[in-house]
């Protein structure tokens, strides 16, 4: 009876470890998924900003070629270039943030994998002990 009670307790512990491992894996997958979505969104925003910057630069070049711009027009173009530079710095900042989020997601995934391996090892030990006790 004591062996059966011990076996039942080990089985409950093994079930709890399996549940914890599955929860840790789901949590890591969710974290990675969120970080990947954020990185993809920032990547798309960065591409759109780069396109806008190229278009603005192209427009400036066309204006300079076709019109020998006067002072007021040059000031406007300079303001656009300054704004494009600000956008470029913001884009660099977003790219850095996306990289850091991806790194954090990788770290979370590695941590979850390590926890899952640890839980798996405990589960294997509990299973072997359970097998020995049922023999």
N, C-alpha and C. Protein backbone atom coordinates (compact mmCIF):
# COMPACT_ATOMS: atom_id res chain seq x y z
N UNK A 1 0.85 -1.20 0.00
CA UNK A 1 0.00 0.00 0.00
C UNK A 1 0.88 1.25 0.00
N UNK A 2 1.98 1.21 0.78
CA UNK A 2 2.88 2.37 0.83
C UNK A 2 3.55 2.57 -0.53
N UNK A 3 3.93 1.47 -1.16
CA UNK A 3 4.55 1.56 -2.49
C UNK A 3 3.55 2.12 -3.49
N UNK A 4 2.30 1.71 -3.41
CA UNK A 4 1.27 2.21 -4.32
C UNK A 4 1.05 3.70 -4.09
N UNK A 5 1.06 4.14 -2.84
CA UNK A 5 0.89 5.55 -2.53
C UNK A 5 2.09 6.35 -3.06
N UNK A 6 3.29 5.81 -2.89
CA UNK A 6 4.49 6.46 -3.41
C UNK A 6 4.46 6.54 -4.93
N UNK A 7 4.00 5.47 -5.55
CA UNK A 7 3.89 5.44 -7.01
C UNK A 7 2.88 6.47 -7.48
N UNK A 8 1.76 6.58 -6.80
CA UNK A 8 0.74 7.56 -7.17
C UNK A 8 1.29 8.98 -7.01
N UNK A 9 2.04 9.21 -5.94
CA UNK A 9 2.63 10.53 -5.71
C UNK A 9 3.62 10.87 -6.82
N UNK A 10 4.46 9.87 -7.18
CA UNK A 10 5.43 10.11 -8.26
C UNK A 10 4.71 10.38 -9.58
N UNK A 11 3.61 9.69 -9.80
CA UNK A 11 2.84 9.90 -11.03
C UNK A 11 2.26 11.32 -11.05
N UNK A 12 1.76 11.78 -9.91
CA UNK A 12 1.22 13.15 -9.82
C UNK A 12 2.34 14.17 -10.07
N UNK A 13 3.52 13.92 -9.48
CA UNK A 13 4.64 14.83 -9.70
C UNK A 13 5.05 14.84 -11.18
N UNK A 14 5.06 13.69 -11.79
CA UNK A 14 5.42 13.60 -13.21
C UNK A 14 4.40 14.35 -14.05
N UNK A 15 3.11 14.19 -13.72
CA UNK A 15 2.06 14.92 -14.45
C UNK A 15 2.22 16.43 -14.27
N UNK A 16 2.53 16.86 -13.05
CA UNK A 16 2.72 18.29 -12.79
C UNK A 16 3.92 18.81 -13.56
N UNK A 17 5.00 18.02 -13.64
CA UNK A 17 6.18 18.44 -14.40
C UNK A 17 5.86 18.55 -15.89
N UNK A 18 5.09 17.61 -16.41
CA UNK A 18 4.69 17.66 -17.83
C UNK A 18 3.88 18.93 -18.08
N UNK A 19 2.94 19.23 -17.19
CA UNK A 19 2.09 20.40 -17.34
C UNK A 19 2.95 21.68 -17.29
N UNK A 20 3.90 21.74 -16.36
CA UNK A 20 4.77 22.92 -16.25
C UNK A 20 5.62 23.07 -17.51
N UNK A 21 6.13 21.96 -18.02
CA UNK A 21 6.96 22.03 -19.24
C UNK A 21 6.13 22.52 -20.42
N UNK A 22 4.91 22.03 -20.55
CA UNK A 22 4.05 22.46 -21.66
C UNK A 22 3.72 23.95 -21.52
N UNK A 23 3.43 24.39 -20.30
CA UNK A 23 3.11 25.81 -20.08
C UNK A 23 4.32 26.69 -20.41
N UNK A 24 5.52 26.27 -19.99
CA UNK A 24 6.73 27.04 -20.27
C UNK A 24 6.98 27.11 -21.78
N UNK A 25 6.75 26.03 -22.47
CA UNK A 25 6.95 26.02 -23.92
C UNK A 25 5.94 26.94 -24.61
N UNK A 26 4.67 26.90 -24.16
CA UNK A 26 3.66 27.78 -24.76
C UNK A 26 4.00 29.24 -24.49
N UNK A 27 4.45 29.53 -23.29
CA UNK A 27 4.80 30.90 -22.92
C UNK A 27 5.96 31.40 -23.79
N UNK A 28 6.96 30.56 -23.98
CA UNK A 28 8.11 30.94 -24.81
C UNK A 28 7.68 31.15 -26.26
N UNK A 29 6.85 30.26 -26.78
CA UNK A 29 6.37 30.41 -28.16
C UNK A 29 5.59 31.71 -28.32
N UNK A 30 4.77 32.03 -27.34
CA UNK A 30 3.98 33.27 -27.40
C UNK A 30 4.90 34.48 -27.37
N UNK A 31 5.90 34.47 -26.49
CA UNK A 31 6.85 35.59 -26.39
C UNK A 31 7.61 35.76 -27.70
N UNK A 32 8.07 34.67 -28.25
CA UNK A 32 8.81 34.72 -29.52
C UNK A 32 7.90 35.23 -30.63
N UNK A 33 6.66 34.74 -30.66
CA UNK A 33 5.71 35.16 -31.69
C UNK A 33 5.45 36.66 -31.61
N UNK A 34 5.23 37.16 -30.39
CA UNK A 34 4.98 38.61 -30.22
C UNK A 34 6.19 39.42 -30.69
N UNK A 35 7.37 38.99 -30.28
CA UNK A 35 8.58 39.73 -30.67
C UNK A 35 8.77 39.69 -32.19
N UNK A 36 8.48 38.54 -32.81
CA UNK A 36 8.61 38.44 -34.26
C UNK A 36 7.60 39.35 -34.95
N UNK A 37 6.37 39.40 -34.42
CA UNK A 37 5.36 40.28 -35.00
C UNK A 37 5.79 41.75 -34.89
N UNK A 38 6.29 42.13 -33.70
CA UNK A 38 6.74 43.51 -33.52
C UNK A 38 7.89 43.83 -34.46
N UNK A 39 8.83 42.89 -34.56
CA UNK A 39 9.98 43.12 -35.44
C UNK A 39 9.53 43.24 -36.90
N UNK A 40 8.57 42.40 -37.30
CA UNK A 40 8.06 42.46 -38.68
C UNK A 40 7.36 43.80 -38.93
N UNK A 41 6.56 44.25 -37.96
CA UNK A 41 5.87 45.54 -38.11
C UNK A 41 6.88 46.67 -38.23
N UNK A 42 7.90 46.64 -37.38
CA UNK A 42 8.91 47.70 -37.43
C UNK A 42 9.69 47.61 -38.74
N UNK A 43 9.94 46.39 -39.21
CA UNK A 43 10.62 46.23 -40.49
C UNK A 43 9.82 46.82 -41.64
N UNK A 44 8.50 46.56 -41.62
CA UNK A 44 7.64 47.13 -42.67
C UNK A 44 7.62 48.65 -42.57
N UNK A 45 7.53 49.17 -41.34
CA UNK A 45 7.54 50.63 -41.16
C UNK A 45 8.87 51.21 -41.64
N UNK A 46 9.96 50.51 -41.33
CA UNK A 46 11.28 50.98 -41.75
C UNK A 46 11.37 51.01 -43.28
N UNK A 47 10.86 49.96 -43.93
CA UNK A 47 10.89 49.92 -45.40
C UNK A 47 10.06 51.07 -45.98
N UNK A 48 8.90 51.32 -45.39
CA UNK A 48 8.06 52.42 -45.88
C UNK A 48 8.77 53.75 -45.71
N UNK A 49 9.42 53.95 -44.55
CA UNK A 49 10.15 55.20 -44.32
C UNK A 49 11.32 55.33 -45.30
N UNK A 50 12.01 54.24 -45.55
CA UNK A 50 13.11 54.28 -46.50
C UNK A 50 12.61 54.64 -47.90
N UNK A 51 11.46 54.06 -48.29
CA UNK A 51 10.86 54.39 -49.59
C UNK A 51 10.53 55.88 -49.65
N UNK A 52 9.91 56.39 -48.58
CA UNK A 52 9.55 57.81 -48.54
C UNK A 52 10.80 58.68 -48.62
N UNK A 53 11.85 58.28 -47.93
CA UNK A 53 13.10 59.04 -47.96
C UNK A 53 13.67 59.05 -49.38
N UNK A 54 13.70 57.88 -50.03
CA UNK A 54 14.21 57.82 -51.41
C UNK A 54 13.37 58.69 -52.34
N UNK A 55 12.04 58.65 -52.16
CA UNK A 55 11.17 59.47 -52.99
C UNK A 55 11.42 60.95 -52.75
N UNK A 56 11.60 61.32 -51.48
CA UNK A 56 11.88 62.72 -51.17
C UNK A 56 13.20 63.15 -51.78
N UNK A 57 14.21 62.30 -51.68
CA UNK A 57 15.52 62.63 -52.26
C UNK A 57 15.42 62.74 -53.78
N UNK A 58 14.65 61.84 -54.37
CA UNK A 58 14.46 61.87 -55.82
C UNK A 58 13.75 63.16 -56.23
N UNK A 59 12.73 63.53 -55.46
CA UNK A 59 12.00 64.77 -55.75
C UNK A 59 12.92 65.98 -55.65
N UNK A 60 13.75 65.98 -54.62
CA UNK A 60 14.70 67.09 -54.45
C UNK A 60 15.63 67.16 -55.65
N UNK A 61 16.15 66.02 -56.07
CA UNK A 61 17.07 66.01 -57.22
C UNK A 61 16.37 66.53 -58.47
N UNK A 62 15.13 66.10 -58.69
CA UNK A 62 14.39 66.58 -59.87
C UNK A 62 14.16 68.09 -59.81
N UNK A 63 13.80 68.55 -58.60
CA UNK A 63 13.57 69.99 -58.45
C UNK A 63 14.85 70.78 -58.73
N UNK A 64 15.96 70.31 -58.20
CA UNK A 64 17.22 71.02 -58.41
C UNK A 64 17.61 71.02 -59.89
N UNK A 65 17.40 69.89 -60.57
CA UNK A 65 17.76 69.80 -61.99
C UNK A 65 16.89 70.70 -62.85
N UNK A 66 15.59 70.68 -62.59
CA UNK A 66 14.68 71.38 -63.49
C UNK A 66 14.51 72.84 -63.16
N UNK A 67 14.73 73.23 -61.96
CA UNK A 67 14.34 74.60 -61.61
C UNK A 67 15.43 75.48 -61.09
N UNK A 68 16.61 75.37 -60.99
CA UNK A 68 17.50 76.36 -60.39
C UNK A 68 16.80 77.07 -59.23
N UNK A 69 16.59 76.33 -58.17
CA UNK A 69 15.73 76.79 -57.08
C UNK A 69 16.14 78.12 -56.51
N UNK A 70 15.13 78.88 -56.17
CA UNK A 70 15.37 80.16 -55.49
C UNK A 70 15.50 79.93 -53.99
N UNK A 71 15.83 80.99 -53.25
CA UNK A 71 16.09 80.89 -51.81
C UNK A 71 14.97 80.25 -51.01
N UNK A 72 13.73 80.67 -51.21
CA UNK A 72 12.61 80.13 -50.43
C UNK A 72 12.43 78.64 -50.72
N UNK A 73 12.60 78.29 -51.98
CA UNK A 73 12.45 76.88 -52.36
C UNK A 73 13.57 76.05 -51.73
N UNK A 74 14.79 76.60 -51.71
CA UNK A 74 15.90 75.89 -51.09
C UNK A 74 15.65 75.66 -49.60
N UNK A 75 15.10 76.67 -48.94
CA UNK A 75 14.79 76.51 -47.51
C UNK A 75 13.79 75.39 -47.29
N UNK A 76 12.79 75.32 -48.15
CA UNK A 76 11.78 74.26 -48.03
C UNK A 76 12.42 72.88 -48.25
N UNK A 77 13.26 72.78 -49.24
CA UNK A 77 13.94 71.51 -49.51
C UNK A 77 14.84 71.13 -48.34
N UNK A 78 15.55 72.11 -47.80
CA UNK A 78 16.41 71.84 -46.64
C UNK A 78 15.59 71.36 -45.46
N UNK A 79 14.43 71.98 -45.24
CA UNK A 79 13.55 71.54 -44.15
C UNK A 79 13.11 70.10 -44.38
N UNK A 80 12.82 69.76 -45.62
CA UNK A 80 12.42 68.37 -45.94
C UNK A 80 13.59 67.41 -45.68
N UNK A 81 14.79 67.82 -46.04
CA UNK A 81 15.95 66.97 -45.80
C UNK A 81 16.21 66.80 -44.31
N UNK A 82 16.04 67.87 -43.54
CA UNK A 82 16.21 67.77 -42.09
C UNK A 82 15.17 66.81 -41.53
N UNK A 83 13.91 66.94 -41.98
CA UNK A 83 12.85 66.04 -41.53
C UNK A 83 13.18 64.60 -41.92
N UNK A 84 13.72 64.41 -43.12
CA UNK A 84 14.09 63.05 -43.56
C UNK A 84 15.21 62.51 -42.68
N UNK A 85 16.15 63.38 -42.27
CA UNK A 85 17.23 62.94 -41.37
C UNK A 85 16.68 62.53 -40.02
N UNK A 86 15.71 63.30 -39.50
CA UNK A 86 15.07 62.94 -38.23
C UNK A 86 14.38 61.59 -38.38
N UNK A 87 13.67 61.40 -39.48
CA UNK A 87 12.98 60.12 -39.72
C UNK A 87 13.99 58.99 -39.82
N UNK A 88 15.13 59.26 -40.46
CA UNK A 88 16.17 58.23 -40.56
C UNK A 88 16.70 57.83 -39.19
N UNK A 89 16.90 58.81 -38.32
CA UNK A 89 17.36 58.49 -36.96
C UNK A 89 16.29 57.71 -36.20
N UNK A 90 15.03 58.10 -36.39
CA UNK A 90 13.94 57.36 -35.74
C UNK A 90 13.89 55.93 -36.27
N UNK A 91 14.10 55.78 -37.54
CA UNK A 91 14.13 54.45 -38.16
C UNK A 91 15.26 53.61 -37.58
N UNK A 92 16.43 54.20 -37.42
CA UNK A 92 17.56 53.47 -36.80
C UNK A 92 17.21 53.05 -35.39
N UNK A 93 16.55 53.94 -34.66
CA UNK A 93 16.14 53.63 -33.29
C UNK A 93 15.15 52.46 -33.26
N UNK A 94 14.18 52.50 -34.19
CA UNK A 94 13.19 51.40 -34.27
C UNK A 94 13.88 50.09 -34.63
N UNK A 95 14.82 50.15 -35.54
CA UNK A 95 15.54 48.93 -35.93
C UNK A 95 16.30 48.37 -34.73
N UNK A 96 16.94 49.25 -33.95
CA UNK A 96 17.65 48.80 -32.74
C UNK A 96 16.69 48.17 -31.75
N UNK A 97 15.54 48.79 -31.58
CA UNK A 97 14.52 48.25 -30.66
C UNK A 97 14.06 46.88 -31.15
N UNK A 98 13.82 46.75 -32.44
CA UNK A 98 13.38 45.46 -32.99
C UNK A 98 14.45 44.39 -32.77
N UNK A 99 15.73 44.76 -32.94
CA UNK A 99 16.82 43.80 -32.70
C UNK A 99 16.84 43.38 -31.24
N UNK A 100 16.70 44.37 -30.34
CA UNK A 100 16.71 44.02 -28.90
C UNK A 100 15.53 43.13 -28.54
N UNK A 101 14.37 43.39 -29.12
CA UNK A 101 13.20 42.55 -28.84
C UNK A 101 13.41 41.13 -29.38
N UNK A 102 14.01 41.03 -30.55
CA UNK A 102 14.28 39.71 -31.10
C UNK A 102 15.29 38.96 -30.23
N UNK A 103 16.30 39.69 -29.73
CA UNK A 103 17.28 39.06 -28.83
C UNK A 103 16.62 38.61 -27.53
N UNK A 104 15.71 39.45 -27.02
CA UNK A 104 15.00 39.08 -25.78
C UNK A 104 14.12 37.85 -26.03
N UNK A 105 13.48 37.79 -27.20
CA UNK A 105 12.65 36.63 -27.53
C UNK A 105 13.52 35.37 -27.63
N UNK A 106 14.69 35.51 -28.24
CA UNK A 106 15.61 34.36 -28.34
C UNK A 106 16.02 33.91 -26.94
N UNK A 107 16.33 34.88 -26.09
CA UNK A 107 16.74 34.53 -24.72
C UNK A 107 15.60 33.82 -23.99
N UNK A 108 14.37 34.31 -24.17
CA UNK A 108 13.21 33.67 -23.54
C UNK A 108 13.03 32.26 -24.07
N UNK A 109 13.23 32.09 -25.37
CA UNK A 109 13.09 30.75 -25.97
C UNK A 109 14.16 29.82 -25.41
N UNK A 110 15.40 30.31 -25.31
CA UNK A 110 16.48 29.48 -24.77
C UNK A 110 16.20 29.11 -23.32
N UNK A 111 15.72 30.08 -22.55
CA UNK A 111 15.39 29.82 -21.15
C UNK A 111 14.28 28.76 -21.05
N UNK A 112 13.26 28.90 -21.89
CA UNK A 112 12.16 27.93 -21.87
C UNK A 112 12.66 26.54 -22.29
N UNK A 113 13.55 26.50 -23.26
CA UNK A 113 14.10 25.21 -23.69
C UNK A 113 14.90 24.58 -22.55
N UNK A 114 15.67 25.43 -21.85
CA UNK A 114 16.46 24.90 -20.73
C UNK A 114 15.53 24.39 -19.64
N UNK A 115 14.45 25.16 -19.35
CA UNK A 115 13.49 24.70 -18.33
C UNK A 115 12.82 23.40 -18.78
N UNK A 116 12.47 23.33 -20.07
CA UNK A 116 11.83 22.12 -20.57
C UNK A 116 12.79 20.93 -20.47
N UNK A 117 14.08 21.15 -20.76
CA UNK A 117 15.06 20.06 -20.65
C UNK A 117 15.20 19.63 -19.19
N UNK A 118 15.23 20.61 -18.29
CA UNK A 118 15.33 20.30 -16.86
C UNK A 118 14.11 19.51 -16.39
N UNK A 119 12.94 19.97 -16.81
CA UNK A 119 11.70 19.26 -16.44
C UNK A 119 11.70 17.86 -17.06
N UNK A 120 12.19 17.76 -18.29
CA UNK A 120 12.26 16.46 -18.96
C UNK A 120 13.17 15.51 -18.20
N UNK A 121 14.31 16.02 -17.72
CA UNK A 121 15.25 15.18 -16.96
C UNK A 121 14.59 14.73 -15.65
N UNK A 122 13.90 15.65 -14.99
CA UNK A 122 13.21 15.28 -13.75
C UNK A 122 12.12 14.24 -14.03
N UNK A 123 11.42 14.44 -15.12
CA UNK A 123 10.36 13.51 -15.51
C UNK A 123 10.94 12.14 -15.81
N UNK A 124 12.08 12.12 -16.49
CA UNK A 124 12.72 10.84 -16.82
C UNK A 124 13.14 10.12 -15.53
N UNK A 125 13.71 10.90 -14.59
CA UNK A 125 14.11 10.31 -13.30
C UNK A 125 12.90 9.78 -12.55
N UNK A 126 11.83 10.55 -12.54
CA UNK A 126 10.62 10.12 -11.84
C UNK A 126 10.04 8.87 -12.50
N UNK A 127 10.10 8.81 -13.83
CA UNK A 127 9.58 7.66 -14.55
C UNK A 127 10.41 6.41 -14.23
N UNK A 128 11.73 6.56 -14.20
CA UNK A 128 12.59 5.41 -13.87
C UNK A 128 12.32 4.92 -12.46
N UNK A 129 12.17 5.87 -11.53
CA UNK A 129 11.88 5.51 -10.15
C UNK A 129 10.53 4.81 -10.06
N UNK A 130 9.58 5.32 -10.79
CA UNK A 130 8.23 4.73 -10.83
C UNK A 130 8.30 3.30 -11.39
N UNK A 131 9.09 3.12 -12.43
CA UNK A 131 9.23 1.77 -13.03
C UNK A 131 9.87 0.80 -12.05
N UNK A 132 10.88 1.32 -11.33
CA UNK A 132 11.55 0.44 -10.35
C UNK A 132 10.59 0.05 -9.23
N UNK A 133 9.77 0.97 -8.83
CA UNK A 133 8.85 0.68 -7.71
C UNK A 133 7.70 -0.22 -8.13
N UNK A 134 7.35 -0.23 -9.39
CA UNK A 134 6.24 -1.07 -9.83
C UNK A 134 6.70 -2.48 -10.20
N UNK A 135 7.99 -2.72 -10.20
CA UNK A 135 8.50 -4.06 -10.52
C UNK A 135 8.45 -4.97 -9.33
